[in-house]
Amino acid sequence: MFADKKNDHPMQSNPSSAKGFFPQQADPSYAAFGLKDRLVIVTGGASGIGLATVHLLARCGARIATLDSDEQGVESLRRAYPAGMHLLTNVAHHADTEIAFQNIAQSLGQPVWGLVNNAACFVMKGLEATTEDWDKVLLTNVVAPSFCSRLAVGRMSDVEGGTIVNVCSISSLIAQQGFLTYSASKGALLTATKCLALDLAPRKIRVNAVSPGSIWTESNDRYIREHRGLDRAGSDAAEDLGGKHLLQRMGDSDEVANAIVFLLSPLAGFITGSNLVVDGGYTTI
């Protein structure tokens, strides 16, 4: 499906909104997550799940670097979080990505603790998909996360290790009509997660996945309003959107960010090779 509340709950950030940013400050109540001053890199960090993750990491006191191809979004991140490093980078372009990681290492000058492979390409086609469609979706959703992981692992501490979270999708777990290209790419990323967990365990590097269900992001807001004429309430009530989930609603980016940040934290120190499904019960049916 489409995948990628201000309150006092210790695992929720302020809402990510298409109307503006809500910069966060380090909050002492988040100290237990053990991410203060640790460097975390988030790809696709300028909107949706990536942006919600950035907000929550900021509340945890983490040092944050982001890579995103959205120029306006990157500029907004630079204004919101000037202490971090936010680079205009398309992760499908490997040479540019390698330069970005080099710049992060040189400018922030500390080992990488965490990587969130969130950037994605939403090519949703069946057998009509061209070789260009396949190249595009596999390059962004499978090859780029693997390349970013290699670059991050090379900059992780030999003593403390580190952690990688790949943002997959429930599309990696179930069949969906017309989703051949996207589902295949996310299924490959999920398998890659398990392989990397096995390969990197001797270096104390944990690798996990998060698989969201239908999430109400800025892009989904625009798409659903344009193609279906539905607002959030209408989308939650629609049988083929919110109605597909046991909780009878679409999820929020913050709810996925909660899972990502938990897996990044030392609190998840005995979890690796796992897939945390954040889908409101969608895949239980």
Protein backbone atom coordinates (compact mmCIF):
# COMPACT_ATOMS: atom_id res chain seq x y z
CA MET A 1 0.00 0.00 0.00
CA PHE A 2 1.01 3.61 0.28
CA ALA A 3 4.12 3.58 2.37
CA ASP A 4 6.29 5.83 2.69
CA LYS A 5 -0.27 14.65 17.92
CA LYS A 6 1.76 16.51 20.01
CA ASN A 7 1.58 14.84 23.42
CA ASP A 8 3.85 13.75 26.23
CA HIS A 9 4.37 10.16 25.12
CA PRO A 10 8.11 9.51 25.30
CA MET A 11 8.23 7.90 21.86
CA GLN A 12 6.32 10.46 19.82
CA SER A 13 7.59 13.53 18.05
CA ASN A 14 5.54 16.50 16.99
CA PRO A 15 3.66 15.99 13.74
CA SER A 16 5.45 16.18 10.42
CA SER A 17 3.36 18.39 8.21
CA ALA A 18 3.31 19.47 4.59
CA LYS A 19 2.64 22.97 5.92
CA GLY A 20 5.93 23.36 7.79
CA PHE A 21 8.60 21.97 10.06
CA PHE A 22 8.43 21.61 13.82
CA PRO A 23 12.09 21.66 14.90
CA GLN A 24 12.73 19.64 18.03
CA GLN A 25 15.14 20.18 20.89
CA ALA A 26 16.87 17.49 22.91
CA ASP A 27 14.51 16.34 25.64
CA PRO A 28 15.97 14.85 28.87
CA SER A 29 13.07 12.41 29.05
CA TYR A 30 14.52 10.70 25.97
CA ALA A 31 17.91 10.03 27.56
CA ALA A 32 17.04 6.39 28.20
CA PHE A 33 17.22 5.70 24.49
CA GLY A 34 20.96 6.24 24.60
CA LEU A 35 21.21 8.20 21.34
CA LYS A 36 22.49 11.49 22.70
CA ASP A 37 25.43 12.78 20.61
CA ARG A 38 25.43 9.63 18.45
CA LEU A 39 25.62 10.24 14.70
CA VAL A 40 22.69 8.90 12.69
CA ILE A 41 22.36 9.26 8.91
CA VAL A 42 18.85 9.25 7.39
CA THR A 43 18.28 8.94 3.66
CA GLY A 44 15.08 10.46 2.38
CA GLY A 45 15.00 12.58 5.53
CA ALA A 46 13.23 15.65 4.18
CA SER A 47 9.64 14.40 4.26
CA GLY A 48 7.25 11.73 5.48
CA ILE A 49 8.64 8.90 7.57
CA GLY A 50 12.19 10.19 7.14
CA LEU A 51 11.33 13.64 8.46
CA ALA A 52 9.38 12.21 11.39
CA THR A 53 12.46 10.11 12.21
CA VAL A 54 14.68 13.19 12.10
CA HIS A 55 12.36 15.03 14.50
CA LEU A 56 12.37 12.15 16.95
CA LEU A 57 16.15 11.72 16.76
CA ALA A 58 16.50 15.41 17.56
CA ARG A 59 14.45 14.94 20.72
CA CYS A 60 16.79 12.08 21.61
CA GLY A 61 19.76 14.45 21.29
CA ALA A 62 21.31 12.58 18.36
CA ARG A 63 23.57 14.23 15.82
CA ILE A 64 21.77 14.01 12.51
CA ALA A 65 22.87 13.92 8.89
CA THR A 66 20.41 13.54 6.02
CA LEU A 67 20.55 12.82 2.31
CA ASP A 68 17.61 13.79 0.10
CA SER A 69 16.98 14.77 -3.51
CA ASP A 70 14.31 17.37 -2.62
CA GLU A 71 16.08 20.74 -2.72
CA GLN A 72 13.36 22.61 -0.84
CA GLY A 73 13.18 19.91 1.81
CA VAL A 74 16.94 19.93 2.31
CA GLU A 75 16.93 23.71 2.75
CA SER A 76 14.16 23.40 5.34
CA LEU A 77 16.21 20.82 7.24
CA ARG A 78 19.24 23.09 7.19
CA ARG A 79 17.19 25.88 8.75
CA ALA A 80 15.51 23.61 11.27
CA TYR A 81 18.62 21.66 12.35
CA PRO A 82 21.72 23.76 11.58
CA ALA A 83 23.90 21.68 13.89
CA GLY A 84 23.46 18.68 11.62
CA MET A 85 24.47 18.16 8.00
CA HIS A 86 21.83 17.98 5.30
CA LEU A 87 22.97 17.22 1.76
CA LEU A 88 21.17 17.42 -1.55
CA THR A 89 21.88 13.90 -2.78
CA ASN A 90 20.11 11.32 -4.90
CA VAL A 91 21.16 8.01 -3.36
CA ALA A 92 20.66 6.30 -6.73
CA HIS A 93 23.76 8.20 -7.91
CA HIS A 94 26.54 6.27 -6.23
CA ALA A 95 29.38 8.71 -6.87
CA ASP A 96 27.39 11.56 -5.30
CA THR A 97 26.43 9.36 -2.36
CA GLU A 98 30.05 8.44 -1.69
CA ILE A 99 31.02 12.12 -1.69
CA ALA A 100 28.15 12.88 0.69
CA PHE A 101 29.34 10.27 3.20
CA GLN A 102 32.89 11.61 2.94
CA ASN A 103 31.62 15.14 3.64
CA ILE A 104 29.62 13.95 6.64
CA ALA A 105 32.66 12.17 8.08
CA GLN A 106 34.93 15.15 7.55
CA SER A 107 32.49 17.76 8.85
CA LEU A 108 31.01 15.95 11.85
CA GLY A 109 34.19 14.08 12.74
CA GLN A 110 32.84 11.09 14.63
CA PRO A 111 31.94 7.45 13.96
CA VAL A 112 28.56 6.66 12.47
CA TRP A 113 26.26 4.98 14.98
CA GLY A 114 23.16 4.49 12.86
CA LEU A 115 21.91 4.49 9.28
CA VAL A 116 18.26 4.66 8.24
CA ASN A 117 17.77 3.58 4.62
CA ASN A 118 14.47 5.32 4.02
CA ALA A 119 14.78 6.85 0.53
CA ALA A 120 12.57 4.98 -1.90
CA CYS A 121 11.28 4.93 -5.46
CA PHE A 122 7.57 4.23 -5.92
CA VAL A 123 7.33 2.48 -9.27
CA MET A 124 4.17 0.39 -8.99
CA LYS A 125 3.64 -1.63 -12.15
CA GLY A 126 2.93 -5.19 -13.23
CA LEU A 127 4.17 -7.06 -16.29
CA GLU A 128 3.88 -3.87 -18.33
CA ALA A 129 6.96 -2.52 -16.50
CA THR A 130 9.84 -1.67 -18.83
CA THR A 131 13.49 -2.45 -18.22
CA GLU A 132 13.87 1.23 -17.35
CA ASP A 133 11.17 0.89 -14.68
CA TRP A 134 12.95 -2.13 -13.21
CA ASP A 135 16.34 -0.43 -13.28
CA LYS A 136 14.94 2.62 -11.51
CA VAL A 137 13.09 0.82 -8.72
CA LEU A 138 15.82 -1.74 -8.03
CA LEU A 139 18.60 0.84 -8.10
CA THR A 140 16.89 3.07 -5.54
CA ASN A 141 15.18 0.47 -3.33
CA VAL A 142 17.80 -2.30 -3.27
CA VAL A 143 21.20 -1.27 -4.63
CA ALA A 144 21.31 2.18 -3.00
CA PRO A 145 20.53 0.92 0.53
CA SER A 146 23.22 -1.72 0.14
CA PHE A 147 25.75 0.87 -1.06
CA CYS A 148 24.82 3.30 1.74
CA SER A 149 25.20 0.46 4.23
CA ARG A 150 28.69 -0.26 2.94
CA LEU A 151 29.66 3.40 3.27
CA ALA A 152 28.17 3.63 6.77
CA VAL A 153 29.69 0.38 8.05
CA GLY A 154 33.13 1.58 6.98
CA ARG A 155 32.68 4.54 9.33
CA MET A 156 31.28 2.67 12.35
CA SER A 157 33.29 2.03 15.50
CA ASP A 158 35.19 -1.25 15.75
CA VAL A 159 34.48 -1.16 19.50
CA GLU A 160 30.83 -0.06 19.80
CA GLY A 161 29.57 -1.31 16.45
CA GLY A 162 26.42 0.34 15.14
CA THR A 163 22.99 -0.26 13.69
CA ILE A 164 21.16 -0.10 10.36
CA VAL A 165 17.40 0.14 9.84
CA ASN A 166 15.98 -0.51 6.38
CA VAL A 167 12.52 0.88 5.72
CA CYS A 168 10.74 -1.89 3.84
CA SER A 169 6.97 -2.24 3.44
CA ILE A 170 4.14 -4.66 3.96
CA SER A 171 4.43 -4.97 0.17
CA SER A 172 7.45 -7.17 0.88
CA LEU A 173 5.18 -9.61 2.72
CA ILE A 174 1.95 -9.86 0.72
CA ALA A 175 0.69 -9.92 -2.87
CA GLN A 176 -0.87 -6.69 -4.15
CA GLN A 177 -2.38 -6.21 -7.57
CA GLY A 178 -0.26 -4.12 -9.92
CA PHE A 179 2.61 -3.82 -7.40
CA LEU A 180 5.05 -6.28 -9.01
CA THR A 181 7.97 -3.86 -9.33
CA TYR A 182 7.62 -2.20 -5.94
CA SER A 183 6.85 -5.38 -4.02
CA ALA A 184 9.77 -7.22 -5.59
CA SER A 185 12.15 -4.41 -4.66
CA LYS A 186 10.97 -4.26 -1.06
CA GLY A 187 11.05 -8.04 -0.79
CA ALA A 188 14.66 -7.96 -1.95
CA LEU A 189 15.49 -5.30 0.63
CA LEU A 190 13.94 -7.39 3.39
CA THR A 191 16.07 -10.39 2.41
CA ALA A 192 19.12 -8.13 2.18
CA THR A 193 18.39 -7.02 5.75
CA LYS A 194 18.68 -10.58 7.00
CA CYS A 195 21.84 -11.24 4.99
CA LEU A 196 23.51 -8.10 6.31
CA ALA A 197 22.50 -8.98 9.87
CA LEU A 198 24.32 -12.28 9.48
CA ASP A 199 27.38 -10.77 7.82
CA LEU A 200 27.77 -7.85 10.21
CA ALA A 201 27.01 -9.52 13.54
CA PRO A 202 30.71 -10.25 14.22
CA ARG A 203 31.32 -6.50 14.09
CA LYS A 204 28.55 -5.78 16.62
CA ILE A 205 26.46 -4.12 13.92
CA ARG A 206 22.74 -4.85 14.11
CA VAL A 207 20.58 -4.72 10.98
CA ASN A 208 16.79 -4.66 11.10
CA ALA A 209 13.82 -3.67 8.98
CA VAL A 210 10.60 -1.77 9.59
CA SER A 211 7.64 -2.54 7.33
CA PRO A 212 4.91 0.12 7.38
CA GLY A 213 1.34 -0.33 6.24
CA SER A 214 -0.60 2.53 4.65
CA ILE A 215 0.90 5.71 6.14
CA TRP A 216 -0.55 9.21 5.87
CA THR A 217 2.44 11.15 4.55
CA GLU A 218 2.50 14.46 2.70
CA SER A 219 2.86 12.66 -0.64
CA ASN A 220 -0.02 10.31 0.10
CA ASP A 221 -2.12 13.26 1.21
CA ARG A 222 -1.58 14.92 -2.17
CA TYR A 223 -2.06 11.71 -4.16
CA ILE A 224 -5.25 10.59 -2.43
CA ARG A 225 -6.83 14.04 -2.56
CA GLU A 226 -6.01 14.36 -6.27
CA HIS A 227 -7.00 10.86 -7.38
CA ARG A 228 -9.70 9.94 -4.87
CA GLY A 229 -10.94 13.27 -3.55
CA LEU A 230 -10.54 12.04 0.03
CA ASP A 231 -9.18 13.86 3.07
CA ARG A 232 -7.64 12.04 6.04
CA ALA A 233 -10.97 11.16 7.63
CA GLY A 234 -12.30 9.87 4.32
CA SER A 235 -9.14 7.84 3.75
CA ASP A 236 -9.39 6.26 7.19
CA ALA A 237 -13.00 5.30 6.46
CA ALA A 238 -12.33 3.99 2.93
CA GLU A 239 -12.60 0.20 2.77
CA ASP A 240 -9.48 -0.15 0.60
CA LEU A 241 -7.36 2.30 2.65
CA GLY A 242 -7.88 2.62 6.39
CA GLY A 243 -10.41 -0.20 6.29
CA LYS A 244 -7.71 -2.72 5.32
CA HIS A 245 -6.16 -2.36 8.78
CA LEU A 246 -7.54 -3.94 11.94
CA LEU A 247 -7.34 -0.53 13.61
CA GLN A 248 -9.55 0.92 10.83
CA ARG A 249 -7.29 3.83 9.96
CA MET A 250 -4.09 4.71 8.16
CA GLY A 251 -0.96 5.15 10.22
CA ASP A 252 1.02 8.30 10.95
CA SER A 253 4.66 8.89 10.04
CA ASP A 254 5.45 9.39 13.72
CA GLU A 255 4.25 5.88 14.50
CA VAL A 256 6.76 4.42 12.06
CA ALA A 257 9.49 6.74 13.32
CA ASN A 258 8.91 5.38 16.83
CA ALA A 259 9.76 1.88 15.61
CA ILE A 260 12.81 3.06 13.68
CA VAL A 261 14.28 5.00 16.59
CA PHE A 262 13.69 2.10 18.97
CA LEU A 263 15.64 -0.23 16.67
CA LEU A 264 18.42 2.36 16.38
CA SER A 265 18.74 2.62 20.15
CA PRO A 266 20.80 0.42 22.47
CA LEU A 267 17.46 -0.62 24.01
CA ALA A 268 17.15 -2.95 21.00
CA GLY A 269 20.63 -4.33 21.61
CA PHE A 270 19.57 -7.99 21.28
CA ILE A 271 17.48 -7.48 18.16
CA THR A 272 18.99 -8.09 14.72
CA GLY A 273 17.77 -9.64 11.49
CA SER A 274 14.20 -8.79 12.46
CA ASN A 275 11.34 -7.08 10.65
CA LEU A 276 9.14 -4.87 12.81
CA VAL A 277 5.77 -4.59 11.07
CA VAL A 278 3.96 -1.28 11.75
CA ASP A 279 0.72 -1.84 9.90
CA GLY A 280 -2.22 -1.54 12.28
CA GLY A 281 -2.89 -5.24 11.85
CA TYR A 282 -3.10 -5.19 8.05
CA THR A 283 -1.04 -8.36 7.48
CA THR A 284 -2.82 -10.40 10.16
CA ILE A 285 -5.91 -10.79 7.98
